[in-house]
PDB file of N, CA and C in Angstrom:
ATOM      1  N   MET A   1     -15.433  -4.944  -2.284  1.00  0.00           N
ATOM      2  CA  MET A   1     -14.059  -4.541  -2.074  1.00  0.00           C
ATOM      3  C   MET A   1     -13.946  -3.020  -2.189  1.00  0.00           C
ATOM      4  N   ASN A   2     -12.980  -2.494  -1.476  1.00  0.00           N
ATOM      5  CA  ASN A   2     -12.692  -1.068  -1.503  1.00  0.00           C
ATOM      6  C   ASN A   2     -11.255  -0.873  -1.963  1.00  0.00           C
ATOM      7  N   TYR A   3     -11.019   0.192  -2.714  1.00  0.00           N
ATOM      8  CA  TYR A   3      -9.687   0.480  -3.253  1.00  0.00           C
ATOM      9  C   TYR A   3      -9.373   1.951  -3.017  1.00  0.00           C
ATOM     10  N   PHE A   4      -8.207   2.202  -2.449  1.00  0.00           N
ATOM     11  CA  PHE A   4      -7.809   3.584  -2.210  1.00  0.00           C
ATOM     12  C   PHE A   4      -6.292   3.679  -2.113  1.00  0.00           C
ATOM     13  N   SER A   5      -5.813   4.907  -2.193  1.00  0.00           N
ATOM     14  CA  SER A   5      -4.369   5.157  -2.116  1.00  0.00           C
ATOM     15  C   SER A   5      -4.102   6.231  -1.082  1.00  0.00           C
ATOM     16  N   GLN A   6      -2.848   6.305  -0.668  1.00  0.00           N
ATOM     17  CA  GLN A   6      -2.416   7.371   0.226  1.00  0.00           C
ATOM     18  C   GLN A   6      -0.976   7.722  -0.100  1.00  0.00           C
ATOM     19  N   PHE A   7      -0.712   9.002  -0.262  1.00  0.00           N
ATOM     20  CA  PHE A   7       0.657   9.479  -0.464  1.00  0.00           C
ATOM     21  C   PHE A   7       1.312   9.671   0.898  1.00  0.00           C
ATOM     22  N   TRP A   8       2.530   9.177   1.045  1.00  0.00           N
ATOM     23  CA  TRP A   8       3.300   9.349   2.280  1.00  0.00           C
ATOM     24  C   TRP A   8       4.466  10.273   1.959  1.00  0.00           C
ATOM     25  N   ASP A   9       4.485  11.462   2.549  1.00  0.00           N
ATOM     26  CA  ASP A   9       5.459  12.483   2.173  1.00  0.00           C
ATOM     27  C   ASP A   9       6.750  12.446   2.992  1.00  0.00           C
ATOM     28  N   GLU A  10       7.045  11.327   3.611  1.00  0.00           N
ATOM     29  CA  GLU A  10       8.284  11.156   4.350  1.00  0.00           C
ATOM     30  C   GLU A  10       9.040   9.958   3.803  1.00  0.00           C
ATOM     31  N   ASN A  11      10.361  10.012   3.920  1.00  0.00           N
ATOM     32  CA  ASN A  11      11.179   8.863   3.543  1.00  0.00           C
ATOM     33  C   ASN A  11      11.068   7.797   4.622  1.00  0.00           C
ATOM     34  N   ARG A  12      11.442   6.573   4.256  1.00  0.00           N
ATOM     35  CA  ARG A  12      11.525   5.504   5.238  1.00  0.00           C
ATOM     36  C   ARG A  12      12.546   5.891   6.302  1.00  0.00           C
ATOM     37  N   ASP A  13      12.428   5.305   7.471  1.00  0.00           N
ATOM     38  CA  ASP A  13      13.357   5.589   8.561  1.00  0.00           C
ATOM     39  C   ASP A  13      14.283   4.388   8.778  1.00  0.00           C
ATOM     40  N   ASP A  14      14.891   3.928   7.671  1.00  0.00           N
ATOM     41  CA  ASP A  14      15.791   2.780   7.744  1.00  0.00           C
ATOM     42  C   ASP A  14      16.825   2.868   6.633  1.00  0.00           C
ATOM     43  N   GLU A  15      17.514   1.789   6.354  1.00  0.00           N
ATOM     44  CA  GLU A  15      18.570   1.816   5.335  1.00  0.00           C
ATOM     45  C   GLU A  15      18.041   2.030   3.921  1.00  0.00           C
ATOM     46  N   TYR A  16      16.718   2.007   3.739  1.00  0.00           N
ATOM     47  CA  TYR A  16      16.116   2.230   2.430  1.00  0.00           C
ATOM     48  C   TYR A  16      15.537   3.638   2.288  1.00  0.00           C
ATOM     49  N   ALA A  17      15.948   4.542   3.148  1.00  0.00           N
ATOM     50  CA  ALA A  17      15.441   5.918   3.119  1.00  0.00           C
ATOM     51  C   ALA A  17      15.682   6.595   1.775  1.00  0.00           C
ATOM     52  N   SER A  18      16.734   6.184   1.070  1.00  0.00           N
ATOM     53  CA  SER A  18      17.043   6.800  -0.220  1.00  0.00           C
ATOM     54  C   SER A  18      15.999   6.478  -1.288  1.00  0.00           C
ATOM     55  N   TRP A  19      15.093   5.555  -1.014  1.00  0.00           N
ATOM     56  CA  TRP A  19      14.027   5.247  -1.968  1.00  0.00           C
ATOM     57  C   TRP A  19      13.092   6.427  -2.148  1.00  0.00           C
ATOM     58  N   GLY A  20      13.022   7.307  -1.156  1.00  0.00           N
ATOM     59  CA  GLY A  20      12.196   8.506  -1.251  1.00  0.00           C
ATOM     60  C   GLY A  20      10.796   8.330  -0.695  1.00  0.00           C
ATOM     61  N   THR A  21       9.945   9.267  -1.020  1.00  0.00           N
ATOM     62  CA  THR A  21       8.554   9.237  -0.572  1.00  0.00           C
ATOM     63  C   THR A  21       7.828   8.085  -1.261  1.00  0.00           C
ATOM     64  N   SER A  22       6.590   7.825  -0.841  1.00  0.00           N
ATOM     65  CA  SER A  22       5.885   6.666  -1.395  1.00  0.00           C
ATOM     66  C   SER A  22       4.387   6.915  -1.487  1.00  0.00           C
ATOM     67  N   THR A  23       3.765   6.146  -2.358  1.00  0.00           N
ATOM     68  CA  THR A  23       2.313   6.105  -2.446  1.00  0.00           C
ATOM     69  C   THR A  23       1.887   4.677  -2.154  1.00  0.00           C
ATOM     70  N   TRP A  24       0.945   4.540  -1.259  1.00  0.00           N
ATOM     71  CA  TRP A  24       0.448   3.239  -0.815  1.00  0.00           C
ATOM     72  C   TRP A  24      -0.929   3.011  -1.437  1.00  0.00           C
ATOM     73  N   TYR A  25      -1.163   1.776  -1.873  1.00  0.00           N
ATOM     74  CA  TYR A  25      -2.428   1.387  -2.485  1.00  0.00           C
ATOM     75  C   TYR A  25      -2.974   0.195  -1.714  1.00  0.00           C
ATOM     76  N   PHE A  26      -4.270   0.221  -1.435  1.00  0.00           N
ATOM     77  CA  PHE A  26      -4.884  -0.816  -0.616  1.00  0.00           C
ATOM     78  C   PHE A  26      -6.132  -1.394  -1.268  1.00  0.00           C
ATOM     79  N   GLU A  27      -6.304  -2.695  -1.077  1.00  0.00           N
ATOM     80  CA  GLU A  27      -7.562  -3.376  -1.365  1.00  0.00           C
ATOM     81  C   GLU A  27      -8.058  -3.888  -0.022  1.00  0.00           C
ATOM     82  N   THR A  28      -9.269  -3.478   0.370  1.00  0.00           N
ATOM     83  CA  THR A  28      -9.842  -3.925   1.637  1.00  0.00           C
ATOM     84  C   THR A  28     -11.203  -4.570   1.386  1.00  0.00           C
ATOM     85  N   ASN A  29     -11.611  -5.411   2.328  1.00  0.00           N
ATOM     86  CA  ASN A  29     -12.924  -6.040   2.208  1.00  0.00           C
ATOM     87  C   ASN A  29     -13.964  -5.211   2.964  1.00  0.00           C
ATOM     88  N   ASP A  30     -15.186  -5.723   3.069  1.00  0.00           N
ATOM     89  CA  ASP A  30     -16.277  -4.973   3.695  1.00  0.00           C
ATOM     90  C   ASP A  30     -16.117  -4.802   5.197  1.00  0.00           C
ATOM     91  N   THR A  31     -15.189  -5.564   5.816  1.00  0.00           N
ATOM     92  CA  THR A  31     -14.913  -5.384   7.241  1.00  0.00           C
ATOM     93  C   THR A  31     -13.603  -4.634   7.450  1.00  0.00           C
ATOM     94  N   ASP A  32     -13.116  -3.968   6.398  1.00  0.00           N
ATOM     95  CA  ASP A  32     -11.946  -3.080   6.432  1.00  0.00           C
ATOM     96  C   ASP A  32     -10.616  -3.793   6.668  1.00  0.00           C
ATOM     97  N   GLU A  33     -10.573  -5.110   6.447  1.00  0.00           N
ATOM     98  CA  GLU A  33      -9.306  -5.837   6.514  1.00  0.00           C
ATOM     99  C   GLU A  33      -8.537  -5.589   5.222  1.00  0.00           C
ATOM    100  N   VAL A  34      -7.242  -5.319   5.334  1.00  0.00           N
ATOM    101  CA  VAL A  34      -6.409  -5.114   4.151  1.00  0.00           C
ATOM    102  C   VAL A  34      -6.093  -6.483   3.550  1.00  0.00           C
ATOM    103  N   LEU A  35      -6.510  -6.673   2.298  1.00  0.00           N
ATOM    104  CA  LEU A  35      -6.269  -7.937   1.604  1.00  0.00           C
ATOM    105  C   LEU A  35      -5.017  -7.886   0.753  1.00  0.00           C
ATOM    106  N   LYS A  36      -4.801  -6.744   0.128  1.00  0.00           N
ATOM    107  CA  LYS A  36      -3.622  -6.545  -0.712  1.00  0.00           C
ATOM    108  C   LYS A  36      -3.129  -5.119  -0.507  1.00  0.00           C
ATOM    109  N   GLN A  37      -1.808  -4.981  -0.636  1.00  0.00           N
ATOM    110  CA  GLN A  37      -1.189  -3.675  -0.408  1.00  0.00           C
ATOM    111  C   GLN A  37      -0.007  -3.526  -1.357  1.00  0.00           C
ATOM    112  N   ILE A  38       0.093  -2.358  -1.961  1.00  0.00           N
ATOM    113  CA  ILE A  38       1.196  -2.038  -2.870  1.00  0.00           C
ATOM    114  C   ILE A  38       1.811  -0.728  -2.394  1.00  0.00           C
ATOM    115  N   THR A  39       3.130  -0.674  -2.369  1.00  0.00           N
ATOM    116  CA  THR A  39       3.816   0.576  -2.062  1.00  0.00           C
ATOM    117  C   THR A  39       4.742   0.898  -3.225  1.00  0.00           C
ATOM    118  N   VAL A  40       4.572   2.096  -3.799  1.00  0.00           N
ATOM    119  CA  VAL A  40       5.389   2.550  -4.916  1.00  0.00           C
ATOM    120  C   VAL A  40       6.234   3.718  -4.416  1.00  0.00           C
ATOM    121  N   TYR A  41       7.556   3.540  -4.471  1.00  0.00           N
ATOM    122  CA  TYR A  41       8.484   4.560  -3.992  1.00  0.00           C
ATOM    123  C   TYR A  41       8.906   5.489  -5.116  1.00  0.00           C
ATOM    124  N   LYS A  42       9.360   6.660  -4.736  1.00  0.00           N
ATOM    125  CA  LYS A  42       9.770   7.686  -5.698  1.00  0.00           C
ATOM    126  C   LYS A  42      10.848   7.183  -6.662  1.00  0.00           C
ATOM    127  N   ASN A  43      11.732   6.299  -6.192  1.00  0.00           N
ATOM    128  CA  ASN A  43      12.806   5.778  -7.042  1.00  0.00           C
ATOM    129  C   ASN A  43      12.337   4.661  -7.976  1.00  0.00           C
ATOM    130  N   GLY A  44      11.047   4.299  -7.920  1.00  0.00           N
ATOM    131  CA  GLY A  44      10.510   3.267  -8.794  1.00  0.00           C
ATOM    132  C   GLY A  44      10.375   1.898  -8.157  1.00  0.00           C
ATOM    133  N   LYS A  45      10.943   1.693  -6.982  1.00  0.00           N
ATOM    134  CA  LYS A  45      10.823   0.417  -6.288  1.00  0.00           C
ATOM    135  C   LYS A  45       9.375   0.190  -5.899  1.00  0.00           C
ATOM    136  N   ILE A  46       8.883  -1.038  -6.121  1.00  0.00           N
ATOM    137  CA  ILE A  46       7.511  -1.406  -5.795  1.00  0.00           C
ATOM    138  C   ILE A  46       7.548  -2.659  -4.933  1.00  0.00           C
ATOM    139  N   VAL A  47       6.826  -2.630  -3.807  1.00  0.00           N
ATOM    140  CA  VAL A  47       6.669  -3.817  -2.971  1.00  0.00           C
ATOM    141  C   VAL A  47       5.183  -4.125  -2.859  1.00  0.00           C
ATOM    142  N   LYS A  48       4.869  -5.441  -2.842  1.00  0.00           N
ATOM    143  CA  LYS A  48       3.479  -5.886  -2.808  1.00  0.00           C
ATOM    144  C   LYS A  48       3.320  -6.952  -1.738  1.00  0.00           C
ATOM    145  N   TYR A  49       2.172  -6.902  -1.056  1.00  0.00           N
ATOM    146  CA  TYR A  49       1.887  -7.868  -0.007  1.00  0.00           C
ATOM    147  C   TYR A  49       0.439  -8.339  -0.097  1.00  0.00           C
ATOM    148  N   SER A  50       0.234  -9.586   0.260  1.00  0.00           N
ATOM    149  CA  SER A  50      -1.092 -10.200   0.318  1.00  0.00           C
ATOM    150  C   SER A  50      -0.961 -11.451   1.181  1.00  0.00           C
ATOM    151  N   ASP A  51      -2.020 -12.263   1.235  1.00  0.00           N
ATOM    152  CA  ASP A  51      -1.929 -13.528   1.977  1.00  0.00           C
ATOM    153  C   ASP A  51      -0.843 -14.430   1.415  1.00  0.00           C
ATOM    154  N   ASP A  52      -0.536 -14.283   0.135  1.00  0.00           N
ATOM    155  CA  ASP A  52       0.509 -15.096  -0.491  1.00  0.00           C
ATOM    156  C   ASP A  52       1.911 -14.645  -0.093  1.00  0.00           C
ATOM    157  N   LYS A  53       2.059 -13.398   0.314  1.00  0.00           N
ATOM    158  CA  LYS A  53       3.353 -12.847   0.744  1.00  0.00           C
ATOM    159  C   LYS A  53       3.064 -11.809   1.825  1.00  0.00           C
ATOM    160  N   LEU A  54       3.096 -12.261   3.068  1.00  0.00           N
ATOM    161  CA  LEU A  54       2.730 -11.387   4.180  1.00  0.00           C
ATOM    162  C   LEU A  54       3.808 -10.371   4.513  1.00  0.00           C
ATOM    163  N   GLU A  55       5.091 -10.741   4.304  1.00  0.00           N
ATOM    164  CA  GLU A  55       6.169  -9.818   4.635  1.00  0.00           C
ATOM    165  C   GLU A  55       7.459 -10.235   3.944  1.00  0.00           C
ATOM    166  N   ASP A  56       8.396  -9.301   3.936  1.00  0.00           N
ATOM    167  CA  ASP A  56       9.739  -9.558   3.447  1.00  0.00           C
ATOM    168  C   ASP A  56      10.680  -8.585   4.155  1.00  0.00           C
ATOM    169  N   GLU A  57      11.894  -8.451   3.676  1.00  0.00           N
ATOM    170  CA  GLU A  57      12.867  -7.589   4.351  1.00  0.00           C
ATOM    171  C   GLU A  57      12.535  -6.102   4.250  1.00  0.00           C
ATOM    172  N   PHE A  58      11.556  -5.738   3.406  1.00  0.00           N
ATOM    173  CA  PHE A  58      11.209  -4.333   3.201  1.00  0.00           C
ATOM    174  C   PHE A  58       9.969  -3.891   3.973  1.00  0.00           C
ATOM    175  N   GLY A  59       9.167  -4.847   4.444  1.00  0.00           N
ATOM    176  CA  GLY A  59       7.943  -4.500   5.151  1.00  0.00           C
ATOM    177  C   GLY A  59       6.977  -5.653   5.164  1.00  0.00           C
ATOM    178  N   GLY A  60       5.672  -5.318   5.321  1.00  0.00           N
ATOM    179  CA  GLY A  60       4.670  -6.360   5.382  1.00  0.00           C
ATOM    180  C   GLY A  60       3.267  -5.824   5.205  1.00  0.00           C
ATOM    181  N   LEU A  61       2.351  -6.762   5.060  1.00  0.00           N
ATOM    182  CA  LEU A  61       0.929  -6.437   4.897  1.00  0.00           C
ATOM    183  C   LEU A  61       0.386  -5.831   6.193  1.00  0.00           C
ATOM    184  N   CYS A  62      -0.376  -4.774   6.064  1.00  0.00           N
ATOM    185  CA  CYS A  62      -1.025  -4.131   7.208  1.00  0.00           C
ATOM    186  C   CYS A  62      -1.873  -5.168   7.944  1.00  0.00           C
ATOM    187  N   ASP A  63      -1.685  -5.283   9.263  1.00  0.00           N
ATOM    188  CA  ASP A  63      -2.433  -6.279  10.027  1.00  0.00           C
ATOM    189  C   ASP A  63      -3.558  -5.658  10.852  1.00  0.00           C
ATOM    190  N   GLN A  64      -3.872  -4.397  10.594  1.00  0.00           N
ATOM    191  CA  GLN A  64      -4.971  -3.699  11.265  1.00  0.00           C
ATOM    192  C   GLN A  64      -6.043  -3.363  10.236  1.00  0.00           C
ATOM    193  N   THR A  65      -7.254  -3.129  10.692  1.00  0.00           N
ATOM    194  CA  THR A  65      -8.278  -2.659   9.769  1.00  0.00           C
ATOM    195  C   THR A  65      -7.913  -1.243   9.319  1.00  0.00           C
ATOM    196  N   LEU A  66      -8.355  -0.888   8.121  1.00  0.00           N
ATOM    197  CA  LEU A  66      -7.987   0.400   7.551  1.00  0.00           C
ATOM    198  C   LEU A  66      -9.098   0.867   6.620  1.00  0.00           C
ATOM    199  N   THR A  67      -9.449   2.132   6.742  1.00  0.00           N
ATOM    200  CA  THR A  67     -10.420   2.731   5.833  1.00  0.00           C
ATOM    201  C   THR A  67      -9.785   3.928   5.145  1.00  0.00           C
ATOM    202  N   ILE A  68     -10.421   4.373   4.102  1.00  0.00           N
ATOM    203  CA  ILE A  68      -9.945   5.547   3.381  1.00  0.00           C
ATOM    204  C   ILE A  68      -9.886   6.758   4.311  1.00  0.00           C
ATOM    205  N   ASP A  69     -10.797   6.837   5.264  1.00  0.00           N
ATOM    206  CA  ASP A  69     -10.824   7.955   6.202  1.00  0.00           C
ATOM    207  C   ASP A  69      -9.685   7.888   7.215  1.00  0.00           C
ATOM    208  N   ASP A  70      -9.240   6.672   7.547  1.00  0.00           N
ATOM    209  CA  ASP A  70      -8.135   6.516   8.500  1.00  0.00           C
ATOM    210  C   ASP A  70      -6.858   7.167   8.001  1.00  0.00           C
ATOM    211  N   CYS A  71      -6.671   7.178   6.701  1.00  0.00           N
ATOM    212  CA  CYS A  71      -5.401   7.688   6.171  1.00  0.00           C
ATOM    213  C   CYS A  71      -5.592   8.878   5.230  1.00  0.00           C
ATOM    214  N   ASP A  72      -6.776   9.480   5.235  1.00  0.00           N
ATOM    215  CA  ASP A  72      -7.048  10.616   4.339  1.00  0.00           C
ATOM    216  C   ASP A  72      -6.685  10.266   2.902  1.00  0.00           C
ATOM    217  N   GLY A  73      -7.036   9.056   2.503  1.00  0.00           N
ATOM    218  CA  GLY A  73      -6.685   8.566   1.179  1.00  0.00           C
ATOM    219  C   GLY A  73      -7.603   9.049   0.079  1.00  0.00           C
ATOM    220  N   LEU A  74      -7.279   8.593  -1.122  1.00  0.00           N
ATOM    221  CA  LEU A  74      -8.061   8.896  -2.313  1.00  0.00           C
ATOM    222  C   LEU A  74      -8.625   7.599  -2.870  1.00  0.00           C
ATOM    223  N   GLU A  75      -9.899   7.604  -3.192  1.00  0.00           N
ATOM    224  CA  GLU A  75     -10.508   6.412  -3.772  1.00  0.00           C
ATOM    225  C   GLU A  75      -9.945   6.178  -5.173  1.00  0.00           C
ATOM    226  N   ILE A  76      -9.673   4.920  -5.490  1.00  0.00           N
ATOM    227  CA  ILE A  76      -9.235   4.540  -6.823  1.00  0.00           C
ATOM    228  C   ILE A  76     -10.120   3.389  -7.294  1.00  0.00           C
ATOM    229  N   THR A  77     -10.031   3.062  -8.567  1.00  0.00           N
ATOM    230  CA  THR A  77     -10.842   1.974  -9.096  1.00  0.00           C
ATOM    231  C   THR A  77     -10.120   0.638  -8.937  1.00  0.00           C
ATOM    232  N   LYS A  78     -10.881  -0.417  -9.030  1.00  0.00           N
ATOM    233  CA  LYS A  78     -10.312  -1.763  -9.012  1.00  0.00           C
ATOM    234  C   LYS A  78      -9.315  -1.912 -10.164  1.00  0.00           C
ATOM    235  N   GLU A  79      -9.648  -1.360 -11.306  1.00  0.00           N
ATOM    236  CA  GLU A  79      -8.779  -1.439 -12.480  1.00  0.00           C
ATOM    237  C   GLU A  79      -7.449  -0.745 -12.238  1.00  0.00           C
ATOM    238  N   GLU A  80      -7.500   0.431 -11.610  1.00  0.00           N
ATOM    239  CA  GLU A  80      -6.259   1.145 -11.297  1.00  0.00           C
ATOM    240  C   GLU A  80      -5.382   0.325 -10.358  1.00  0.00           C
ATOM    241  N   PHE A  81      -6.021  -0.280  -9.341  1.00  0.00           N
ATOM    242  CA  PHE A  81      -5.269  -1.084  -8.387  1.00  0.00           C
ATOM    243  C   PHE A  81      -4.607  -2.272  -9.092  1.00  0.00           C
ATOM    244  N   TYR A  82      -5.378  -3.007  -9.886  1.00  0.00           N
ATOM    245  CA  TYR A  82      -4.832  -4.221 -10.511  1.00  0.00           C
ATOM    246  C   TYR A  82      -3.866  -3.934 -11.659  1.00  0.00           C
ATOM    247  N   LYS A  83      -3.908  -2.748 -12.197  1.00  0.00           N
ATOM    248  CA  LYS A  83      -2.887  -2.359 -13.179  1.00  0.00           C
ATOM    249  C   LYS A  83      -1.520  -2.306 -12.483  1.00  0.00           C
ATOM    250  N   LEU A  84      -1.485  -1.801 -11.270  1.00  0.00           N
ATOM    251  CA  LEU A  84      -0.249  -1.775 -10.485  1.00  0.00           C
ATOM    252  C   LEU A  84       0.119  -3.155  -9.955  1.00  0.00           C
ATOM    253  N   TRP A  85      -0.900  -3.939  -9.606  1.00  0.00           N
ATOM    254  CA  TRP A  85      -0.668  -5.248  -9.002  1.00  0.00           C
ATOM    255  C   TRP A  85      -0.037  -6.223  -9.981  1.00  0.00           C
ATOM    256  N   SER A  86      -0.423  -6.142 -11.256  1.00  0.00           N
ATOM    257  CA  SER A  86       0.078  -7.133 -12.233  1.00  0.00           C
ATOM    258  C   SER A  86       1.455  -6.810 -12.765  1.00  0.00           C
TER     259      SER A  86
END
């Protein structure tokens, strides 16, 4: 498994724009499929997606392959990811 994050320096372009900027966290497998995804917004709102919850009114799990290089992300540990996930 691979774990990485990416800071997004723009607000959402919808009715939730007031949530502010966000940091995205990803767990991917060896074929770069996103298995779990967490988005933490500046206002403290957190949304999480996985096979158990593919989408909701705020967004959804990335359905494309993704690598740390695709988004200029930062590598994080499994422990860091699951601290946010739980």
